[in-house]
Amino acid sequence: MIVDVLDVSKKIKKTPMVVGSYTGFVVNRMFFPYMQAGLLLVEHGVDVYQIDRVITKFKIPMGPFRYYAWINS
């Protein structure tokens, strides 16, 4: 079954992630440290818009603060 999902993901040009069985969504587990790093930068005086703008230069679609605003809208 996992092999089938991996094949489909390749056909639709998506990168599959095989993860263990955990409570919660994998995106949320990845988002927590991502947001913590952003908050640490804010505590050191970095502007949230600057953080989000720089993140996009690493081919990440949106920064932690824009993402947080998006999921809560």
PDB file of N, CA and C in Angstrom:
ATOM      1  N   MET A   1       0.807  -1.186   0.000  1.00  0.00           N
ATOM      2  CA  MET A   1       0.000   0.000   0.000  1.00  0.00           C
ATOM      3  C   MET A   1       0.862   1.266   0.000  1.00  0.00           C
ATOM      4  N   ILE A   2       1.910   1.309   0.804  1.00  0.00           N
ATOM      5  CA  ILE A   2       2.784   2.491   0.826  1.00  0.00           C
ATOM      6  C   ILE A   2       3.459   2.674  -0.525  1.00  0.00           C
ATOM      7  N   VAL A   3       3.846   1.566  -1.146  1.00  0.00           N
ATOM      8  CA  VAL A   3       4.494   1.642  -2.457  1.00  0.00           C
ATOM      9  C   VAL A   3       3.544   2.266  -3.475  1.00  0.00           C
ATOM     10  N   ASP A   4       2.266   1.942  -3.409  1.00  0.00           N
ATOM     11  CA  ASP A   4       1.278   2.524  -4.322  1.00  0.00           C
ATOM     12  C   ASP A   4       1.168   4.032  -4.130  1.00  0.00           C
ATOM     13  N   VAL A   5       1.145   4.465  -2.887  1.00  0.00           N
ATOM     14  CA  VAL A   5       1.054   5.897  -2.591  1.00  0.00           C
ATOM     15  C   VAL A   5       2.311   6.621  -3.070  1.00  0.00           C
ATOM     16  N   LEU A   6       3.460   5.998  -2.887  1.00  0.00           N
ATOM     17  CA  LEU A   6       4.706   6.598  -3.362  1.00  0.00           C
ATOM     18  C   LEU A   6       4.699   6.737  -4.884  1.00  0.00           C
ATOM     19  N   ASP A   7       4.185   5.733  -5.573  1.00  0.00           N
ATOM     20  CA  ASP A   7       4.079   5.798  -7.037  1.00  0.00           C
ATOM     21  C   ASP A   7       3.152   6.923  -7.491  1.00  0.00           C
ATOM     22  N   VAL A   8       2.009   7.035  -6.843  1.00  0.00           N
ATOM     23  CA  VAL A   8       1.052   8.088  -7.204  1.00  0.00           C
ATOM     24  C   VAL A   8       1.676   9.463  -6.960  1.00  0.00           C
ATOM     25  N   SER A   9       2.365   9.624  -5.841  1.00  0.00           N
ATOM     26  CA  SER A   9       2.961  10.926  -5.536  1.00  0.00           C
ATOM     27  C   SER A   9       4.009  11.315  -6.576  1.00  0.00           C
ATOM     28  N   LYS A  10       4.752  10.371  -7.068  1.00  0.00           N
ATOM     29  CA  LYS A  10       5.726  10.657  -8.125  1.00  0.00           C
ATOM     30  C   LYS A  10       5.027  11.060  -9.420  1.00  0.00           C
ATOM     31  N   LYS A  11       3.920  10.397  -9.726  1.00  0.00           N
ATOM     32  CA  LYS A  11       3.184  10.712 -10.949  1.00  0.00           C
ATOM     33  C   LYS A  11       2.601  12.119 -10.920  1.00  0.00           C
ATOM     34  N   ILE A  12       2.203  12.580  -9.745  1.00  0.00           N
ATOM     35  CA  ILE A  12       1.640  13.933  -9.652  1.00  0.00           C
ATOM     36  C   ILE A  12       2.698  14.956  -9.229  1.00  0.00           C
ATOM     37  N   LYS A  13       3.964  14.522  -9.253  1.00  0.00           N
ATOM     38  CA  LYS A  13       5.117  15.386  -8.985  1.00  0.00           C
ATOM     39  C   LYS A  13       5.073  16.043  -7.604  1.00  0.00           C
ATOM     40  N   LYS A  14       4.781  15.205  -6.599  1.00  0.00           N
ATOM     41  CA  LYS A  14       4.799  15.632  -5.203  1.00  0.00           C
ATOM     42  C   LYS A  14       5.834  14.797  -4.461  1.00  0.00           C
ATOM     43  N   THR A  15       6.411  15.366  -3.435  1.00  0.00           N
ATOM     44  CA  THR A  15       7.393  14.650  -2.634  1.00  0.00           C
ATOM     45  C   THR A  15       6.686  13.948  -1.484  1.00  0.00           C
ATOM     46  N   PRO A  16       6.725  12.622  -1.465  1.00  0.00           N
ATOM     47  CA  PRO A  16       6.036  11.904  -0.388  1.00  0.00           C
ATOM     48  C   PRO A  16       6.842  11.931   0.912  1.00  0.00           C
ATOM     49  N   MET A  17       6.128  11.817   2.007  1.00  0.00           N
ATOM     50  CA  MET A  17       6.765  11.717   3.321  1.00  0.00           C
ATOM     51  C   MET A  17       6.215  10.491   4.018  1.00  0.00           C
ATOM     52  N   VAL A  18       7.076   9.567   4.334  1.00  0.00           N
ATOM     53  CA  VAL A  18       6.666   8.393   5.102  1.00  0.00           C
ATOM     54  C   VAL A  18       6.995   8.698   6.558  1.00  0.00           C
ATOM     55  N   VAL A  19       5.968   8.689   7.391  1.00  0.00           N
ATOM     56  CA  VAL A  19       6.148   9.016   8.803  1.00  0.00           C
ATOM     57  C   VAL A  19       5.561   7.922   9.667  1.00  0.00           C
ATOM     58  N   GLY A  20       5.990   7.918  10.909  1.00  0.00           N
ATOM     59  CA  GLY A  20       5.433   6.961  11.855  1.00  0.00           C
ATOM     60  C   GLY A  20       4.034   7.367  12.284  1.00  0.00           C
ATOM     61  N   SER A  21       3.408   6.547  13.069  1.00  0.00           N
ATOM     62  CA  SER A  21       2.071   6.823  13.561  1.00  0.00           C
ATOM     63  C   SER A  21       2.162   7.671  14.821  1.00  0.00           C
ATOM     64  N   TYR A  22       1.737   8.936  14.705  1.00  0.00           N
ATOM     65  CA  TYR A  22       1.787   9.879  15.816  1.00  0.00           C
ATOM     66  C   TYR A  22       0.461  10.616  15.900  1.00  0.00           C
ATOM     67  N   THR A  23       0.196  11.176  17.049  1.00  0.00           N
ATOM     68  CA  THR A  23      -0.987  12.013  17.216  1.00  0.00           C
ATOM     69  C   THR A  23      -0.765  13.333  16.497  1.00  0.00           C
ATOM     70  N   GLY A  24      -1.737  13.799  15.758  1.00  0.00           N
ATOM     71  CA  GLY A  24      -1.636  15.079  15.075  1.00  0.00           C
ATOM     72  C   GLY A  24      -1.143  14.935  13.649  1.00  0.00           C
ATOM     73  N   PHE A  25      -1.215  16.043  12.929  1.00  0.00           N
ATOM     74  CA  PHE A  25      -0.805  16.067  11.534  1.00  0.00           C
ATOM     75  C   PHE A  25       0.695  16.339  11.432  1.00  0.00           C
ATOM     76  N   VAL A  26       1.339  15.776  10.430  1.00  0.00           N
ATOM     77  CA  VAL A  26       2.778  15.948  10.257  1.00  0.00           C
ATOM     78  C   VAL A  26       3.127  17.424  10.033  1.00  0.00           C
ATOM     79  N   VAL A  27       2.260  18.167   9.358  1.00  0.00           N
ATOM     80  CA  VAL A  27       2.533  19.591   9.116  1.00  0.00           C
ATOM     81  C   VAL A  27       2.625  20.343  10.438  1.00  0.00           C
ATOM     82  N   ASN A  28       1.734  20.033  11.367  1.00  0.00           N
ATOM     83  CA  ASN A  28       1.779  20.705  12.664  1.00  0.00           C
ATOM     84  C   ASN A  28       3.037  20.351  13.435  1.00  0.00           C
ATOM     85  N   ARG A  29       3.492  19.117  13.316  1.00  0.00           N
ATOM     86  CA  ARG A  29       4.720  18.701  14.008  1.00  0.00           C
ATOM     87  C   ARG A  29       5.936  19.412  13.427  1.00  0.00           C
ATOM     88  N   MET A  30       5.889  19.720  12.144  1.00  0.00           N
ATOM     89  CA  MET A  30       6.993  20.441  11.506  1.00  0.00           C
ATOM     90  C   MET A  30       6.879  21.941  11.768  1.00  0.00           C
ATOM     91  N   PHE A  31       5.655  22.459  11.880  1.00  0.00           N
ATOM     92  CA  PHE A  31       5.436  23.886  12.033  1.00  0.00           C
ATOM     93  C   PHE A  31       5.900  24.409  13.393  1.00  0.00           C
ATOM     94  N   PHE A  32       5.757  23.621  14.442  1.00  0.00           N
ATOM     95  CA  PHE A  32       6.082  24.088  15.783  1.00  0.00           C
ATOM     96  C   PHE A  32       7.524  24.595  15.903  1.00  0.00           C
ATOM     97  N   PRO A  33       8.551  23.819  15.532  1.00  0.00           N
ATOM     98  CA  PRO A  33       9.910  24.356  15.637  1.00  0.00           C
ATOM     99  C   PRO A  33      10.166  25.497  14.658  1.00  0.00           C
ATOM    100  N   TYR A  34       9.504  25.482  13.513  1.00  0.00           N
ATOM    101  CA  TYR A  34       9.620  26.541  12.510  1.00  0.00           C
ATOM    102  C   TYR A  34       9.128  27.858  13.105  1.00  0.00           C
ATOM    103  N   MET A  35       7.988  27.821  13.786  1.00  0.00           N
ATOM    104  CA  MET A  35       7.431  29.017  14.406  1.00  0.00           C
ATOM    105  C   MET A  35       8.273  29.445  15.603  1.00  0.00           C
ATOM    106  N   GLN A  36       8.778  28.493  16.376  1.00  0.00           N
ATOM    107  CA  GLN A  36       9.627  28.832  17.521  1.00  0.00           C
ATOM    108  C   GLN A  36      10.867  29.601  17.075  1.00  0.00           C
ATOM    109  N   ALA A  37      11.462  29.170  15.979  1.00  0.00           N
ATOM    110  CA  ALA A  37      12.639  29.864  15.460  1.00  0.00           C
ATOM    111  C   ALA A  37      12.279  31.290  15.044  1.00  0.00           C
ATOM    112  N   GLY A  38      11.117  31.455  14.416  1.00  0.00           N
ATOM    113  CA  GLY A  38      10.668  32.784  14.034  1.00  0.00           C
ATOM    114  C   GLY A  38      10.434  33.669  15.245  1.00  0.00           C
ATOM    115  N   LEU A  39       9.815  33.127  16.286  1.00  0.00           N
ATOM    116  CA  LEU A  39       9.562  33.895  17.504  1.00  0.00           C
ATOM    117  C   LEU A  39      10.857  34.286  18.207  1.00  0.00           C
ATOM    118  N   LEU A  40      11.841  33.414  18.168  1.00  0.00           N
ATOM    119  CA  LEU A  40      13.143  33.740  18.760  1.00  0.00           C
ATOM    120  C   LEU A  40      13.770  34.933  18.043  1.00  0.00           C
ATOM    121  N   LEU A  41      13.666  34.960  16.717  1.00  0.00           N
ATOM    122  CA  LEU A  41      14.185  36.089  15.949  1.00  0.00           C
ATOM    123  C   LEU A  41      13.438  37.380  16.289  1.00  0.00           C
ATOM    124  N   VAL A  42      12.125  37.284  16.463  1.00  0.00           N
ATOM    125  CA  VAL A  42      11.333  38.458  16.840  1.00  0.00           C
ATOM    126  C   VAL A  42      11.779  38.975  18.205  1.00  0.00           C
ATOM    127  N   GLU A  43      12.030  38.072  19.139  1.00  0.00           N
ATOM    128  CA  GLU A  43      12.503  38.474  20.470  1.00  0.00           C
ATOM    129  C   GLU A  43      13.839  39.209  20.396  1.00  0.00           C
ATOM    130  N   HIS A  44      14.601  38.917  19.341  1.00  0.00           N
ATOM    131  CA  HIS A  44      15.887  39.598  19.141  1.00  0.00           C
ATOM    132  C   HIS A  44      15.754  40.837  18.262  1.00  0.00           C
ATOM    133  N   GLY A  45      14.510  41.241  17.980  1.00  0.00           N
ATOM    134  CA  GLY A  45      14.282  42.492  17.284  1.00  0.00           C
ATOM    135  C   GLY A  45      14.093  42.425  15.781  1.00  0.00           C
ATOM    136  N   VAL A  46      14.020  41.231  15.215  1.00  0.00           N
ATOM    137  CA  VAL A  46      13.837  41.109  13.766  1.00  0.00           C
ATOM    138  C   VAL A  46      12.347  41.275  13.436  1.00  0.00           C
ATOM    139  N   ASP A  47      12.050  42.017  12.395  1.00  0.00           N
ATOM    140  CA  ASP A  47      10.686  42.280  11.967  1.00  0.00           C
ATOM    141  C   ASP A  47      10.053  41.026  11.361  1.00  0.00           C
ATOM    142  N   VAL A  48       8.786  40.749  11.709  1.00  0.00           N
ATOM    143  CA  VAL A  48       8.115  39.543  11.203  1.00  0.00           C
ATOM    144  C   VAL A  48       8.024  39.536   9.682  1.00  0.00           C
ATOM    145  N   TYR A  49       7.835  40.706   9.078  1.00  0.00           N
ATOM    146  CA  TYR A  49       7.754  40.771   7.612  1.00  0.00           C
ATOM    147  C   TYR A  49       9.109  40.430   6.981  1.00  0.00           C
ATOM    148  N   GLN A  50      10.171  40.845   7.623  1.00  0.00           N
ATOM    149  CA  GLN A  50      11.508  40.518   7.117  1.00  0.00           C
ATOM    150  C   GLN A  50      11.760  39.018   7.209  1.00  0.00           C
ATOM    151  N   ILE A  51      11.346  38.405   8.302  1.00  0.00           N
ATOM    152  CA  ILE A  51      11.523  36.961   8.471  1.00  0.00           C
ATOM    153  C   ILE A  51      10.774  36.210   7.365  1.00  0.00           C
ATOM    154  N   ASP A  52       9.518  36.581   7.162  1.00  0.00           N
ATOM    155  CA  ASP A  52       8.725  35.924   6.126  1.00  0.00           C
ATOM    156  C   ASP A  52       9.308  36.141   4.732  1.00  0.00           C
ATOM    157  N   ARG A  53       9.809  37.338   4.472  1.00  0.00           N
ATOM    158  CA  ARG A  53      10.387  37.645   3.153  1.00  0.00           C
ATOM    159  C   ARG A  53      11.657  36.824   2.900  1.00  0.00           C
ATOM    160  N   VAL A  54      12.512  36.711   3.902  1.00  0.00           N
ATOM    161  CA  VAL A  54      13.766  35.957   3.749  1.00  0.00           C
ATOM    162  C   VAL A  54      13.487  34.466   3.555  1.00  0.00           C
ATOM    163  N   ILE A  55      12.512  33.940   4.283  1.00  0.00           N
ATOM    164  CA  ILE A  55      12.168  32.517   4.170  1.00  0.00           C
ATOM    165  C   ILE A  55      11.827  32.141   2.728  1.00  0.00           C
ATOM    166  N   THR A  56      11.114  33.019   2.024  1.00  0.00           N
ATOM    167  CA  THR A  56      10.706  32.695   0.653  1.00  0.00           C
ATOM    168  C   THR A  56      11.900  32.576  -0.291  1.00  0.00           C
ATOM    169  N   LYS A  57      13.032  33.152   0.075  1.00  0.00           N
ATOM    170  CA  LYS A  57      14.239  33.019  -0.758  1.00  0.00           C
ATOM    171  C   LYS A  57      14.814  31.603  -0.708  1.00  0.00           C
ATOM    172  N   PHE A  58      14.349  30.790   0.244  1.00  0.00           N
ATOM    173  CA  PHE A  58      14.791  29.399   0.366  1.00  0.00           C
ATOM    174  C   PHE A  58      13.766  28.436  -0.229  1.00  0.00           C
ATOM    175  N   LYS A  59      12.922  28.968  -1.119  1.00  0.00           N
ATOM    176  CA  LYS A  59      11.904  28.191  -1.837  1.00  0.00           C
ATOM    177  C   LYS A  59      10.841  27.604  -0.911  1.00  0.00           C
ATOM    178  N   ILE A  60      10.639  28.252   0.233  1.00  0.00           N
ATOM    179  CA  ILE A  60       9.532  27.900   1.114  1.00  0.00           C
ATOM    180  C   ILE A  60       8.418  28.886   0.773  1.00  0.00           C
ATOM    181  N   PRO A  61       7.215  28.409   0.464  1.00  0.00           N
ATOM    182  CA  PRO A  61       6.172  29.288  -0.069  1.00  0.00           C
ATOM    183  C   PRO A  61       5.791  30.470   0.811  1.00  0.00           C
ATOM    184  N   MET A  62       5.834  30.296   2.142  1.00  0.00           N
ATOM    185  CA  MET A  62       5.506  31.419   3.011  1.00  0.00           C
ATOM    186  C   MET A  62       6.187  31.240   4.352  1.00  0.00           C
ATOM    187  N   GLY A  63       6.450  32.376   4.978  1.00  0.00           N
ATOM    188  CA  GLY A  63       7.112  32.361   6.277  1.00  0.00           C
ATOM    189  C   GLY A  63       6.167  31.942   7.390  1.00  0.00           C
ATOM    190  N   PRO A  64       6.698  31.747   8.595  1.00  0.00           N
ATOM    191  CA  PRO A  64       5.882  31.243   9.694  1.00  0.00           C
ATOM    192  C   PRO A  64       4.751  32.184  10.096  1.00  0.00           C
ATOM    193  N   PHE A  65       4.982  33.490  10.023  1.00  0.00           N
ATOM    194  CA  PHE A  65       3.966  34.432  10.469  1.00  0.00           C
ATOM    195  C   PHE A  65       2.849  34.585   9.436  1.00  0.00           C
ATOM    196  N   ARG A  66       3.205  34.589   8.172  1.00  0.00           N
ATOM    197  CA  ARG A  66       2.178  34.625   7.127  1.00  0.00           C
ATOM    198  C   ARG A  66       1.365  33.330   7.152  1.00  0.00           C
ATOM    199  N   TYR A  67       2.050  32.199   7.339  1.00  0.00           N
ATOM    200  CA  TYR A  67       1.360  30.911   7.416  1.00  0.00           C
ATOM    201  C   TYR A  67       0.396  30.881   8.601  1.00  0.00           C
ATOM    202  N   TYR A  68       0.866  31.360   9.755  1.00  0.00           N
ATOM    203  CA  TYR A  68       0.023  31.380  10.951  1.00  0.00           C
ATOM    204  C   TYR A  68      -1.217  32.242  10.733  1.00  0.00           C
ATOM    205  N   ALA A  69      -1.038  33.402  10.093  1.00  0.00           N
ATOM    206  CA  ALA A  69      -2.172  34.271   9.792  1.00  0.00           C
ATOM    207  C   ALA A  69      -3.130  33.592   8.821  1.00  0.00           C
ATOM    208  N   TRP A  70      -2.579  32.880   7.857  1.00  0.00           N
ATOM    209  CA  TRP A  70      -3.394  32.196   6.850  1.00  0.00           C
ATOM    210  C   TRP A  70      -4.235  31.087   7.459  1.00  0.00           C
ATOM    211  N   ILE A  71      -3.633  30.264   8.330  1.00  0.00           N
ATOM    212  CA  ILE A  71      -4.386  29.143   8.894  1.00  0.00           C
ATOM    213  C   ILE A  71      -5.412  29.612   9.923  1.00  0.00           C
ATOM    214  N   ASN A  72      -5.245  30.809  10.430  1.00  0.00           N
ATOM    215  CA  ASN A  72      -6.193  31.330  11.430  1.00  0.00           C
ATOM    216  C   ASN A  72      -7.193  32.315  10.853  1.00  0.00           C
ATOM    217  N   SER A  73      -7.205  32.461   9.525  1.00  0.00           N
ATOM    218  CA  SER A  73      -8.170  33.402   8.933  1.00  0.00           C
ATOM    219  C   SER A  73      -9.454  32.712   8.528  1.00  0.00           C
TER     220      SER A  73
END
